[in-house]
Amino acid sequence: MMWGWPNMMGGFFGGGLGWIGMIFGFIFFVAIVIGVILLIVWLVRRPGYGVTDKTSAHSLEILKERYAKGELTKEQYEIMKKELMP
């Protein structure tokens, strides 16, 4: 065995630096978890994911057309309109 070269069990300098690798591994793992969480939050909050004002306005127009055609009673129209309004 030559001095300064890693051996099978101890690594460099008798294994004194092994804990540094564990710390960096832990930091890397935490960074990946945080990155995945931030990606999910970004995907959920981006525009166009959920019901937007445009979709809500379009739904209200369809409701008005159905009421105008006589497909809905005034009570049905009012109930559905309350559900659609933000």
N, C-alpha and C. Protein backbone atom coordinates (compact mmCIF):
# COMPACT_ATOMS: atom_id res chain seq x y z
N MET A 1 0.84 -1.17 0.00
CA MET A 1 0.00 0.00 0.00
C MET A 1 0.89 1.24 0.00
N MET A 2 0.50 2.21 -0.84
CA MET A 2 1.27 3.44 -0.93
C MET A 2 0.58 4.52 -0.12
N TRP A 3 1.37 5.36 0.51
CA TRP A 3 0.80 6.44 1.30
C TRP A 3 0.17 7.48 0.38
N GLY A 4 -1.02 7.99 0.75
CA GLY A 4 -1.68 9.01 -0.05
C GLY A 4 -2.70 8.45 -1.03
N TRP A 5 -2.61 7.17 -1.31
CA TRP A 5 -3.60 6.56 -2.21
C TRP A 5 -4.74 5.98 -1.40
N PRO A 6 -5.97 6.04 -1.92
CA PRO A 6 -7.10 5.50 -1.14
C PRO A 6 -7.04 3.99 -1.07
N ASN A 7 -7.41 3.46 0.06
CA ASN A 7 -7.53 2.02 0.18
C ASN A 7 -9.01 1.65 0.08
N MET A 8 -9.32 0.38 0.20
CA MET A 8 -10.68 -0.09 -0.01
C MET A 8 -11.66 0.44 1.03
N MET A 9 -11.24 0.61 2.26
CA MET A 9 -12.16 0.96 3.33
C MET A 9 -12.07 2.41 3.79
N GLY A 10 -10.89 2.99 3.75
CA GLY A 10 -10.69 4.26 4.41
C GLY A 10 -10.75 5.48 3.54
N GLY A 11 -10.58 5.37 2.25
CA GLY A 11 -10.54 6.54 1.41
C GLY A 11 -9.25 7.30 1.64
N PHE A 12 -9.19 8.57 1.28
CA PHE A 12 -8.00 9.39 1.49
C PHE A 12 -7.84 9.70 2.99
N PHE A 13 -6.64 9.71 3.43
CA PHE A 13 -6.30 10.10 4.79
C PHE A 13 -7.08 9.31 5.85
N GLY A 14 -7.26 8.06 5.61
CA GLY A 14 -7.89 7.20 6.60
C GLY A 14 -9.40 7.36 6.71
N GLY A 15 -10.04 7.93 5.71
CA GLY A 15 -11.50 8.03 5.70
C GLY A 15 -12.04 9.26 6.37
N GLY A 16 -11.21 10.22 6.69
CA GLY A 16 -11.66 11.41 7.38
C GLY A 16 -12.54 12.32 6.54
N LEU A 17 -12.56 12.16 5.22
CA LEU A 17 -13.34 13.04 4.35
C LEU A 17 -14.66 12.41 3.90
N GLY A 18 -15.00 11.26 4.39
CA GLY A 18 -16.22 10.59 3.96
C GLY A 18 -17.49 11.34 4.34
N TRP A 19 -17.48 12.02 5.44
CA TRP A 19 -18.67 12.75 5.88
C TRP A 19 -18.96 13.94 4.98
N ILE A 20 -17.95 14.50 4.33
CA ILE A 20 -18.18 15.62 3.42
C ILE A 20 -19.01 15.15 2.22
N GLY A 21 -18.69 13.97 1.74
CA GLY A 21 -19.48 13.40 0.63
C GLY A 21 -20.93 13.17 1.03
N MET A 22 -21.14 12.73 2.25
CA MET A 22 -22.51 12.52 2.71
C MET A 22 -23.26 13.84 2.80
N ILE A 23 -22.59 14.89 3.25
CA ILE A 23 -23.25 16.20 3.34
C ILE A 23 -23.62 16.71 1.96
N PHE A 24 -22.67 16.61 1.01
CA PHE A 24 -22.96 17.05 -0.35
C PHE A 24 -24.07 16.21 -0.99
N GLY A 25 -24.09 14.94 -0.70
CA GLY A 25 -25.16 14.07 -1.20
C GLY A 25 -26.52 14.48 -0.64
N PHE A 26 -26.55 14.79 0.65
CA PHE A 26 -27.79 15.24 1.27
C PHE A 26 -28.25 16.56 0.68
N ILE A 27 -27.32 17.51 0.50
CA ILE A 27 -27.67 18.81 -0.09
C ILE A 27 -28.19 18.62 -1.51
N PHE A 28 -27.56 17.74 -2.27
CA PHE A 28 -28.01 17.47 -3.64
C PHE A 28 -29.42 16.89 -3.63
N PHE A 29 -29.70 15.96 -2.73
CA PHE A 29 -31.03 15.35 -2.63
C PHE A 29 -32.08 16.40 -2.27
N VAL A 30 -31.78 17.26 -1.29
CA VAL A 30 -32.72 18.31 -0.89
C VAL A 30 -32.96 19.28 -2.05
N ALA A 31 -31.91 19.61 -2.80
CA ALA A 31 -32.06 20.52 -3.95
C ALA A 31 -32.97 19.91 -5.01
N ILE A 32 -32.86 18.62 -5.24
CA ILE A 32 -33.73 17.95 -6.22
C ILE A 32 -35.18 17.97 -5.75
N VAL A 33 -35.41 17.68 -4.48
CA VAL A 33 -36.78 17.68 -3.94
C VAL A 33 -37.38 19.07 -4.05
N ILE A 34 -36.62 20.10 -3.68
CA ILE A 34 -37.12 21.47 -3.77
C ILE A 34 -37.41 21.84 -5.23
N GLY A 35 -36.53 21.41 -6.13
CA GLY A 35 -36.75 21.68 -7.55
C GLY A 35 -38.03 21.05 -8.07
N VAL A 36 -38.31 19.83 -7.67
CA VAL A 36 -39.54 19.15 -8.10
C VAL A 36 -40.76 19.87 -7.54
N ILE A 37 -40.70 20.28 -6.29
CA ILE A 37 -41.83 21.00 -5.68
C ILE A 37 -42.06 22.32 -6.40
N LEU A 38 -41.00 23.07 -6.68
CA LEU A 38 -41.15 24.34 -7.39
C LEU A 38 -41.70 24.14 -8.81
N LEU A 39 -41.29 23.06 -9.46
CA LEU A 39 -41.82 22.76 -10.80
C LEU A 39 -43.32 22.49 -10.74
N ILE A 40 -43.76 21.74 -9.76
CA ILE A 40 -45.19 21.44 -9.62
C ILE A 40 -45.97 22.71 -9.33
N VAL A 41 -45.46 23.56 -8.44
CA VAL A 41 -46.14 24.82 -8.12
C VAL A 41 -46.22 25.70 -9.36
N TRP A 42 -45.14 25.77 -10.13
CA TRP A 42 -45.14 26.58 -11.35
C TRP A 42 -46.15 26.04 -12.35
N LEU A 43 -46.23 24.74 -12.52
CA LEU A 43 -47.17 24.15 -13.47
C LEU A 43 -48.62 24.42 -13.07
N VAL A 44 -48.90 24.38 -11.78
CA VAL A 44 -50.27 24.60 -11.31
C VAL A 44 -50.67 26.06 -11.42
N ARG A 45 -49.74 26.97 -11.15
CA ARG A 45 -50.07 28.39 -11.12
C ARG A 45 -49.97 29.09 -12.47
N ARG A 46 -49.46 28.43 -13.49
CA ARG A 46 -49.28 29.12 -14.77
C ARG A 46 -50.64 29.44 -15.39
N PRO A 47 -50.70 30.48 -16.19
CA PRO A 47 -51.97 30.87 -16.82
C PRO A 47 -52.47 29.77 -17.74
N GLY A 48 -53.77 29.60 -17.73
CA GLY A 48 -54.38 28.61 -18.61
C GLY A 48 -54.55 27.25 -17.99
N TYR A 49 -54.09 27.06 -16.76
CA TYR A 49 -54.21 25.75 -16.13
C TYR A 49 -55.64 25.47 -15.68
N GLY A 50 -56.23 26.41 -14.95
CA GLY A 50 -57.57 26.21 -14.41
C GLY A 50 -58.60 26.96 -15.22
N VAL A 51 -59.73 27.21 -14.60
CA VAL A 51 -60.79 27.97 -15.25
C VAL A 51 -60.38 29.44 -15.24
N THR A 52 -60.33 30.01 -16.40
CA THR A 52 -59.94 31.42 -16.50
C THR A 52 -61.18 32.28 -16.66
N ASP A 53 -60.99 33.59 -16.62
CA ASP A 53 -62.10 34.52 -16.79
C ASP A 53 -62.72 34.35 -18.18
N LYS A 54 -61.90 34.07 -19.17
CA LYS A 54 -62.39 33.90 -20.53
C LYS A 54 -63.34 32.70 -20.60
N THR A 55 -62.96 31.61 -19.97
CA THR A 55 -63.82 30.43 -19.95
C THR A 55 -65.11 30.71 -19.20
N SER A 56 -65.01 31.41 -18.08
CA SER A 56 -66.18 31.74 -17.29
C SER A 56 -67.13 32.65 -18.07
N ALA A 57 -66.57 33.63 -18.79
CA ALA A 57 -67.39 34.54 -19.59
C ALA A 57 -68.08 33.78 -20.72
N HIS A 58 -67.36 32.84 -21.32
CA HIS A 58 -67.95 32.04 -22.39
C HIS A 58 -69.11 31.19 -21.86
N SER A 59 -68.93 30.62 -20.68
CA SER A 59 -69.98 29.81 -20.07
C SER A 59 -71.21 30.66 -19.76
N LEU A 60 -71.00 31.88 -19.32
CA LEU A 60 -72.11 32.78 -19.02
C LEU A 60 -72.87 33.15 -20.29
N GLU A 61 -72.16 33.33 -21.39
CA GLU A 61 -72.81 33.62 -22.68
C GLU A 61 -73.67 32.44 -23.13
N ILE A 62 -73.16 31.24 -22.96
CA ILE A 62 -73.95 30.05 -23.32
C ILE A 62 -75.20 29.97 -22.46
N LEU A 63 -75.06 30.27 -21.16
CA LEU A 63 -76.21 30.26 -20.25
C LEU A 63 -77.25 31.28 -20.68
N LYS A 64 -76.81 32.48 -21.06
CA LYS A 64 -77.74 33.51 -21.52
C LYS A 64 -78.46 33.08 -22.79
N GLU A 65 -77.75 32.43 -23.70
CA GLU A 65 -78.37 31.95 -24.94
C GLU A 65 -79.43 30.88 -24.64
N ARG A 66 -79.11 29.98 -23.73
CA ARG A 66 -80.08 28.93 -23.39
C ARG A 66 -81.33 29.52 -22.74
N TYR A 67 -81.14 30.56 -21.91
CA TYR A 67 -82.28 31.22 -21.28
C TYR A 67 -83.10 31.96 -22.35
N ALA A 68 -82.42 32.61 -23.28
CA ALA A 68 -83.12 33.34 -24.33
C ALA A 68 -83.90 32.40 -25.25
N LYS A 69 -83.40 31.19 -25.46
CA LYS A 69 -84.10 30.21 -26.31
C LYS A 69 -85.27 29.56 -25.59
N GLY A 70 -85.33 29.75 -24.27
CA GLY A 70 -86.41 29.15 -23.51
C GLY A 70 -86.10 27.77 -22.98
N GLU A 71 -84.85 27.38 -23.05
CA GLU A 71 -84.45 26.06 -22.55
C GLU A 71 -84.39 26.02 -21.02
N LEU A 72 -84.27 27.19 -20.39
CA LEU A 72 -84.17 27.27 -18.94
C LEU A 72 -85.26 28.20 -18.40
N THR A 73 -85.72 27.87 -17.19
CA THR A 73 -86.64 28.79 -16.52
C THR A 73 -85.81 29.89 -15.85
N LYS A 74 -86.52 30.94 -15.39
CA LYS A 74 -85.82 32.04 -14.73
C LYS A 74 -85.11 31.55 -13.47
N GLU A 75 -85.72 30.64 -12.72
CA GLU A 75 -85.11 30.12 -11.50
C GLU A 75 -83.84 29.33 -11.83
N GLN A 76 -83.92 28.47 -12.85
CA GLN A 76 -82.74 27.70 -13.26
C GLN A 76 -81.61 28.63 -13.71
N TYR A 77 -81.99 29.66 -14.48
CA TYR A 77 -81.00 30.62 -14.96
C TYR A 77 -80.30 31.33 -13.81
N GLU A 78 -81.05 31.78 -12.82
CA GLU A 78 -80.48 32.50 -11.69
C GLU A 78 -79.55 31.60 -10.87
N ILE A 79 -79.97 30.35 -10.65
CA ILE A 79 -79.14 29.42 -9.88
C ILE A 79 -77.82 29.15 -10.61
N MET A 80 -77.91 28.88 -11.91
CA MET A 80 -76.70 28.59 -12.69
C MET A 80 -75.80 29.83 -12.81
N LYS A 81 -76.40 30.99 -12.90
CA LYS A 81 -75.63 32.22 -13.00
C LYS A 81 -74.84 32.47 -11.73
N LYS A 82 -75.44 32.21 -10.56
CA LYS A 82 -74.74 32.36 -9.29
C LYS A 82 -73.57 31.41 -9.19
N GLU A 83 -73.71 30.21 -9.73
CA GLU A 83 -72.62 29.23 -9.70
C GLU A 83 -71.47 29.62 -10.60
N LEU A 84 -71.78 30.30 -11.71
CA LEU A 84 -70.74 30.68 -12.66
C LEU A 84 -70.01 31.96 -12.29
N MET A 85 -70.66 32.84 -11.58
CA MET A 85 -70.06 34.13 -11.25
C MET A 85 -68.98 33.92 -10.17
N PRO A 86 -67.83 34.60 -10.35
CA PRO A 86 -66.74 34.42 -9.37
C PRO A 86 -67.03 35.08 -8.05
